[in-house]
Amino acid sequence: LWQVQDRLIYLLCTLLLAFCTFFNMVFIANVTVKDGMAWSITVITSMAQTIVGVPLLMTIVIFLGTLMANPSLEVQQETSQICLCDSVTDSSNATTDNLERKVNQKSTLHRAPVSKWNSNKQKR
């Protein structure tokens, strides 16, 4: 049954793409050359913004945010407590007491989960 559904989806998607291509070709054929070129430039610009521009901008923003936060000692301590990174990197020369202390420390960002399905108040 699922193979038939997959084939139906592929067929419908192929028909939709063929219709969209046909519609665009008819549109370009029925407009002036100047308007057709303007439309083509608009399509290429829009695709470039969507495919290259937005991901590049997001990458740059996240990268710069990481670079600005990296020197902060508070951010490094919180990250190491959340990820337990210190206990992994210092495991070669860490004692058992030191390791347990690091594991038992909680980040200041730690919050108990709040959910109406998993609440201690309703478990009474």
N, C-alpha and C. Protein backbone atom coordinates (compact mmCIF):
# COMPACT_ATOMS: atom_id res chain seq x y z
N LEU A 1 0.82 -1.20 0.00
CA LEU A 1 0.00 0.00 0.00
C LEU A 1 0.87 1.27 0.00
N TRP A 2 1.94 1.27 0.81
CA TRP A 2 2.76 2.47 0.89
C TRP A 2 3.51 2.72 -0.42
N GLN A 3 3.81 1.66 -1.17
CA GLN A 3 4.48 1.85 -2.46
C GLN A 3 3.55 2.55 -3.46
N VAL A 4 2.28 2.19 -3.41
CA VAL A 4 1.29 2.84 -4.28
C VAL A 4 1.15 4.31 -3.88
N GLN A 5 1.14 4.58 -2.58
CA GLN A 5 1.03 5.97 -2.10
C GLN A 5 2.26 6.77 -2.53
N ASP A 6 3.44 6.15 -2.41
CA ASP A 6 4.65 6.85 -2.84
C ASP A 6 4.61 7.17 -4.33
N ARG A 7 4.20 6.22 -5.14
CA ARG A 7 4.12 6.46 -6.58
C ARG A 7 3.11 7.54 -6.90
N LEU A 8 1.99 7.57 -6.17
CA LEU A 8 0.98 8.60 -6.39
C LEU A 8 1.53 9.98 -6.04
N ILE A 9 2.27 10.07 -4.94
CA ILE A 9 2.87 11.34 -4.54
C ILE A 9 3.88 11.80 -5.58
N TYR A 10 4.74 10.88 -6.04
CA TYR A 10 5.72 11.24 -7.08
C TYR A 10 5.03 11.69 -8.36
N LEU A 11 3.97 11.01 -8.74
CA LEU A 11 3.24 11.37 -9.95
C LEU A 11 2.62 12.76 -9.81
N LEU A 12 1.97 13.01 -8.67
CA LEU A 12 1.33 14.32 -8.47
C LEU A 12 2.35 15.45 -8.41
N CYS A 13 3.49 15.20 -7.76
CA CYS A 13 4.54 16.23 -7.69
C CYS A 13 5.13 16.50 -9.08
N THR A 14 5.32 15.45 -9.86
CA THR A 14 5.84 15.63 -11.21
C THR A 14 4.85 16.41 -12.07
N LEU A 15 3.57 16.10 -11.93
CA LEU A 15 2.55 16.85 -12.69
C LEU A 15 2.51 18.31 -12.25
N LEU A 16 2.63 18.58 -10.98
CA LEU A 16 2.63 19.96 -10.49
C LEU A 16 3.83 20.72 -11.03
N LEU A 17 5.01 20.11 -10.98
CA LEU A 17 6.20 20.77 -11.52
C LEU A 17 6.08 21.01 -13.02
N ALA A 18 5.53 20.03 -13.75
CA ALA A 18 5.35 20.20 -15.19
C ALA A 18 4.37 21.34 -15.47
N PHE A 19 3.29 21.44 -14.71
CA PHE A 19 2.32 22.52 -14.90
C PHE A 19 2.96 23.88 -14.60
N CYS A 20 3.75 23.95 -13.51
CA CYS A 20 4.40 25.22 -13.16
C CYS A 20 5.39 25.64 -14.25
N THR A 21 6.14 24.68 -14.77
CA THR A 21 7.07 24.98 -15.86
C THR A 21 6.32 25.45 -17.10
N PHE A 22 5.25 24.75 -17.43
CA PHE A 22 4.43 25.15 -18.59
C PHE A 22 3.86 26.55 -18.41
N PHE A 23 3.34 26.84 -17.21
CA PHE A 23 2.76 28.15 -16.92
C PHE A 23 3.81 29.24 -17.08
N ASN A 24 5.02 29.01 -16.56
CA ASN A 24 6.09 30.01 -16.69
C ASN A 24 6.50 30.20 -18.15
N MET A 25 6.57 29.12 -18.91
CA MET A 25 6.95 29.23 -20.32
C MET A 25 5.89 30.00 -21.11
N VAL A 26 4.62 29.75 -20.84
CA VAL A 26 3.55 30.48 -21.51
C VAL A 26 3.60 31.95 -21.13
N PHE A 27 3.89 32.24 -19.86
CA PHE A 27 3.98 33.63 -19.41
C PHE A 27 5.12 34.34 -20.14
N ILE A 28 6.29 33.71 -20.19
CA ILE A 28 7.44 34.34 -20.83
C ILE A 28 7.19 34.52 -22.34
N ALA A 29 6.49 33.56 -22.95
CA ALA A 29 6.22 33.67 -24.39
C ALA A 29 5.25 34.80 -24.71
N ASN A 30 4.41 35.18 -23.77
CA ASN A 30 3.38 36.17 -24.04
C ASN A 30 3.71 37.57 -23.54
N VAL A 31 4.91 37.79 -23.06
CA VAL A 31 5.30 39.14 -22.64
C VAL A 31 6.41 39.62 -23.57
N THR A 32 6.69 40.90 -23.49
CA THR A 32 7.74 41.47 -24.34
C THR A 32 9.10 40.96 -23.87
N VAL A 33 10.08 41.10 -24.72
CA VAL A 33 11.44 40.65 -24.38
C VAL A 33 11.97 41.41 -23.17
N LYS A 34 11.69 42.70 -23.12
CA LYS A 34 12.15 43.52 -22.00
C LYS A 34 11.53 43.04 -20.68
N ASP A 35 10.22 42.79 -20.69
CA ASP A 35 9.55 42.30 -19.48
C ASP A 35 10.02 40.90 -19.10
N GLY A 36 10.25 40.06 -20.12
CA GLY A 36 10.75 38.71 -19.86
C GLY A 36 12.13 38.73 -19.21
N MET A 37 13.00 39.62 -19.69
CA MET A 37 14.33 39.75 -19.08
C MET A 37 14.24 40.30 -17.66
N ALA A 38 13.36 41.28 -17.45
CA ALA A 38 13.18 41.83 -16.10
C ALA A 38 12.67 40.75 -15.15
N TRP A 39 11.74 39.92 -15.63
CA TRP A 39 11.21 38.83 -14.80
C TRP A 39 12.31 37.82 -14.50
N SER A 40 13.14 37.48 -15.49
CA SER A 40 14.23 36.52 -15.29
C SER A 40 15.24 37.04 -14.28
N ILE A 41 15.59 38.32 -14.37
CA ILE A 41 16.53 38.91 -13.41
C ILE A 41 15.93 38.90 -12.01
N THR A 42 14.65 39.18 -11.91
CA THR A 42 13.98 39.16 -10.61
C THR A 42 13.99 37.76 -10.01
N VAL A 43 13.72 36.75 -10.85
CA VAL A 43 13.72 35.37 -10.37
C VAL A 43 15.11 34.95 -9.90
N ILE A 44 16.14 35.29 -10.69
CA ILE A 44 17.51 34.93 -10.32
C ILE A 44 17.93 35.63 -9.03
N THR A 45 17.59 36.90 -8.89
CA THR A 45 17.93 37.65 -7.68
C THR A 45 17.22 37.05 -6.46
N SER A 46 15.95 36.74 -6.61
CA SER A 46 15.20 36.16 -5.50
C SER A 46 15.76 34.80 -5.09
N MET A 47 16.11 33.98 -6.09
CA MET A 47 16.69 32.68 -5.78
C MET A 47 18.05 32.81 -5.11
N ALA A 48 18.86 33.76 -5.55
CA ALA A 48 20.17 33.98 -4.95
C ALA A 48 20.04 34.42 -3.50
N GLN A 49 19.08 35.29 -3.23
CA GLN A 49 18.86 35.73 -1.85
C GLN A 49 18.42 34.57 -0.97
N THR A 50 17.53 33.73 -1.49
CA THR A 50 17.01 32.63 -0.71
C THR A 50 18.04 31.52 -0.51
N ILE A 51 18.78 31.19 -1.56
CA ILE A 51 19.69 30.06 -1.49
C ILE A 51 21.03 30.44 -0.88
N VAL A 52 21.54 31.65 -1.17
CA VAL A 52 22.86 32.03 -0.70
C VAL A 52 22.79 33.10 0.39
N GLY A 53 22.01 34.13 0.15
CA GLY A 53 22.02 35.29 1.04
C GLY A 53 21.58 35.01 2.46
N VAL A 54 20.44 34.38 2.64
CA VAL A 54 19.91 34.14 3.99
C VAL A 54 20.80 33.18 4.78
N PRO A 55 21.21 32.02 4.21
CA PRO A 55 22.11 31.16 4.99
C PRO A 55 23.45 31.82 5.31
N LEU A 56 23.98 32.62 4.38
CA LEU A 56 25.24 33.31 4.64
C LEU A 56 25.08 34.33 5.76
N LEU A 57 24.01 35.08 5.74
CA LEU A 57 23.76 36.07 6.79
C LEU A 57 23.60 35.39 8.15
N MET A 58 22.85 34.30 8.20
CA MET A 58 22.66 33.58 9.46
C MET A 58 23.99 33.02 9.98
N THR A 59 24.82 32.51 9.07
CA THR A 59 26.12 31.99 9.47
C THR A 59 27.00 33.09 10.04
N ILE A 60 27.01 34.24 9.40
CA ILE A 60 27.83 35.36 9.88
C ILE A 60 27.35 35.84 11.24
N VAL A 61 26.04 35.97 11.43
CA VAL A 61 25.49 36.44 12.71
C VAL A 61 25.83 35.46 13.83
N ILE A 62 25.64 34.17 13.59
CA ILE A 62 25.94 33.17 14.63
C ILE A 62 27.44 33.14 14.92
N PHE A 63 28.26 33.22 13.89
CA PHE A 63 29.71 33.21 14.06
C PHE A 63 30.17 34.41 14.87
N LEU A 64 29.67 35.60 14.54
CA LEU A 64 30.05 36.80 15.30
C LEU A 64 29.57 36.74 16.74
N GLY A 65 28.36 36.21 16.95
CA GLY A 65 27.87 36.04 18.32
C GLY A 65 28.73 35.09 19.12
N THR A 66 29.19 34.03 18.48
CA THR A 66 30.08 33.08 19.15
C THR A 66 31.42 33.72 19.46
N LEU A 67 31.95 34.49 18.52
CA LEU A 67 33.23 35.16 18.76
C LEU A 67 33.15 36.17 19.90
N MET A 68 32.03 36.87 20.01
CA MET A 68 31.89 37.86 21.08
C MET A 68 31.68 37.20 22.44
N ALA A 69 31.00 36.04 22.45
CA ALA A 69 30.72 35.38 23.72
C ALA A 69 31.87 34.50 24.19
N ASN A 70 32.75 34.10 23.29
CA ASN A 70 33.82 33.16 23.63
C ASN A 70 34.78 33.70 24.70
N PRO A 71 35.22 34.96 24.68
CA PRO A 71 36.15 35.42 25.71
C PRO A 71 35.53 35.54 27.10
N SER A 72 34.22 35.53 27.20
CA SER A 72 33.56 35.71 28.48
C SER A 72 33.78 34.49 29.38
N LEU A 73 34.37 34.71 30.53
CA LEU A 73 34.62 33.62 31.48
C LEU A 73 33.31 33.03 31.99
N GLU A 74 32.29 33.87 32.20
CA GLU A 74 30.99 33.39 32.67
C GLU A 74 30.35 32.44 31.67
N VAL A 75 30.44 32.79 30.38
CA VAL A 75 29.87 31.92 29.34
C VAL A 75 30.62 30.60 29.30
N GLN A 76 31.95 30.64 29.43
CA GLN A 76 32.74 29.41 29.42
C GLN A 76 32.40 28.51 30.61
N GLN A 77 32.22 29.11 31.79
CA GLN A 77 31.88 28.31 32.97
C GLN A 77 30.48 27.70 32.84
N GLU A 78 29.51 28.47 32.38
CA GLU A 78 28.16 27.95 32.22
C GLU A 78 28.13 26.83 31.18
N THR A 79 28.85 27.02 30.09
CA THR A 79 28.89 26.00 29.05
C THR A 79 29.53 24.72 29.56
N SER A 80 30.62 24.85 30.31
CA SER A 80 31.28 23.65 30.82
C SER A 80 30.41 22.95 31.86
N GLN A 81 29.62 23.68 32.63
CA GLN A 81 28.72 23.04 33.59
C GLN A 81 27.55 22.37 32.91
N ILE A 82 26.99 23.00 31.88
CA ILE A 82 25.87 22.41 31.17
C ILE A 82 26.31 21.17 30.40
N CYS A 83 27.47 21.26 29.73
CA CYS A 83 27.94 20.16 28.89
C CYS A 83 28.81 19.16 29.64
N LEU A 84 29.19 19.47 30.87
CA LEU A 84 30.14 18.67 31.64
C LEU A 84 31.45 18.51 30.89
N CYS A 85 31.86 19.56 30.21
CA CYS A 85 33.08 19.50 29.39
C CYS A 85 34.33 19.40 30.24
N ASP A 86 34.37 20.06 31.39
CA ASP A 86 35.55 20.00 32.24
C ASP A 86 35.80 18.59 32.75
N SER A 87 34.72 17.88 33.08
CA SER A 87 34.90 16.53 33.61
C SER A 87 35.44 15.59 32.54
N VAL A 88 35.16 15.86 31.29
CA VAL A 88 35.67 15.02 30.21
C VAL A 88 37.11 15.37 29.90
N THR A 89 37.43 16.66 29.82
CA THR A 89 38.78 17.07 29.44
C THR A 89 39.78 16.86 30.57
N ASP A 90 39.37 16.98 31.82
CA ASP A 90 40.28 16.85 32.94
C ASP A 90 40.25 15.46 33.54
N SER A 91 39.70 14.47 32.86
CA SER A 91 39.53 13.15 33.46
C SER A 91 40.86 12.44 33.67
N SER A 92 41.92 12.83 32.96
CA SER A 92 43.19 12.15 33.11
C SER A 92 43.83 12.43 34.45
N ASN A 93 43.67 13.64 35.01
CA ASN A 93 44.31 13.97 36.28
C ASN A 93 43.29 14.35 37.35
N ALA A 94 42.04 14.05 37.15
CA ALA A 94 41.00 14.40 38.12
C ALA A 94 40.78 13.25 39.08
N THR A 95 40.55 13.60 40.34
CA THR A 95 40.22 12.58 41.32
C THR A 95 38.73 12.32 41.28
N THR A 96 38.31 11.26 41.94
CA THR A 96 36.90 10.90 41.94
C THR A 96 36.07 11.96 42.65
N ASP A 97 36.57 12.53 43.76
CA ASP A 97 35.84 13.57 44.49
C ASP A 97 35.68 14.82 43.63
N ASN A 98 36.75 15.18 42.93
CA ASN A 98 36.71 16.36 42.07
C ASN A 98 35.70 16.17 40.94
N LEU A 99 35.68 14.97 40.37
CA LEU A 99 34.76 14.67 39.29
C LEU A 99 33.31 14.71 39.77
N GLU A 100 33.04 14.13 40.95
CA GLU A 100 31.68 14.15 41.50
C GLU A 100 31.23 15.57 41.79
N ARG A 101 32.15 16.41 42.31
CA ARG A 101 31.80 17.79 42.60
C ARG A 101 31.39 18.52 41.33
N LYS A 102 32.13 18.29 40.23
CA LYS A 102 31.80 18.95 38.98
C LYS A 102 30.46 18.47 38.43
N VAL A 103 30.17 17.20 38.57
CA VAL A 103 28.92 16.66 38.07
C VAL A 103 27.75 17.17 38.89
N ASN A 104 27.94 17.34 40.20
CA ASN A 104 26.86 17.77 41.07
C ASN A 104 26.58 19.27 40.98
N GLN A 105 27.50 20.06 40.44
CA GLN A 105 27.26 21.49 40.28
C GLN A 105 26.19 21.70 39.22
N LYS A 106 25.31 22.63 39.48
CA LYS A 106 24.28 22.95 38.49
C LYS A 106 24.52 24.35 37.95
N SER A 107 24.20 24.51 36.72
CA SER A 107 24.33 25.80 36.07
C SER A 107 23.29 26.76 36.63
N THR A 108 23.61 28.05 36.59
CA THR A 108 22.62 29.04 37.02
C THR A 108 21.47 29.13 36.03
N LEU A 109 21.69 28.60 34.82
CA LEU A 109 20.63 28.58 33.81
C LEU A 109 19.72 27.37 33.96
N HIS A 110 20.06 26.44 34.86
CA HIS A 110 19.26 25.23 35.02
C HIS A 110 17.91 25.57 35.65
N ARG A 111 16.87 25.08 35.06
CA ARG A 111 15.51 25.26 35.59
C ARG A 111 14.84 23.90 35.63
N ALA A 112 14.04 23.68 36.65
CA ALA A 112 13.28 22.44 36.73
C ALA A 112 12.22 22.45 35.63
N PRO A 113 11.95 21.30 35.03
CA PRO A 113 10.94 21.27 33.98
C PRO A 113 9.56 21.61 34.52
N VAL A 114 8.84 22.43 33.78
CA VAL A 114 7.49 22.81 34.17
C VAL A 114 6.54 22.27 33.11
N SER A 115 5.70 21.35 33.54
CA SER A 115 4.77 20.74 32.61
C SER A 115 3.55 20.28 33.37
N LYS A 116 2.38 20.48 32.81
CA LYS A 116 1.18 20.03 33.51
C LYS A 116 1.08 18.51 33.48
N TRP A 117 1.83 17.85 32.58
CA TRP A 117 1.80 16.40 32.52
C TRP A 117 2.85 15.76 33.43
N ASN A 118 3.86 16.55 33.84
CA ASN A 118 4.93 16.01 34.66
C ASN A 118 5.17 16.93 35.86
N SER A 119 4.11 17.28 36.55
CA SER A 119 4.22 18.21 37.65
C SER A 119 4.18 17.46 38.98
N ASN A 120 5.03 17.89 39.90
CA ASN A 120 5.04 17.26 41.23
C ASN A 120 3.79 17.63 42.02
N LYS A 121 3.17 18.75 41.71
CA LYS A 121 1.98 19.18 42.44
C LYS A 121 0.81 18.21 42.19
N GLN A 122 0.71 17.68 40.98
CA GLN A 122 -0.41 16.79 40.66
C GLN A 122 -0.14 15.35 41.05
N LYS A 123 1.05 15.05 41.51
CA LYS A 123 1.38 13.66 41.90
C LYS A 123 1.06 13.37 43.36
N ARG A 124 0.43 14.28 44.06
CA ARG A 124 0.12 14.09 45.48
C ARG A 124 -0.97 13.08 45.67
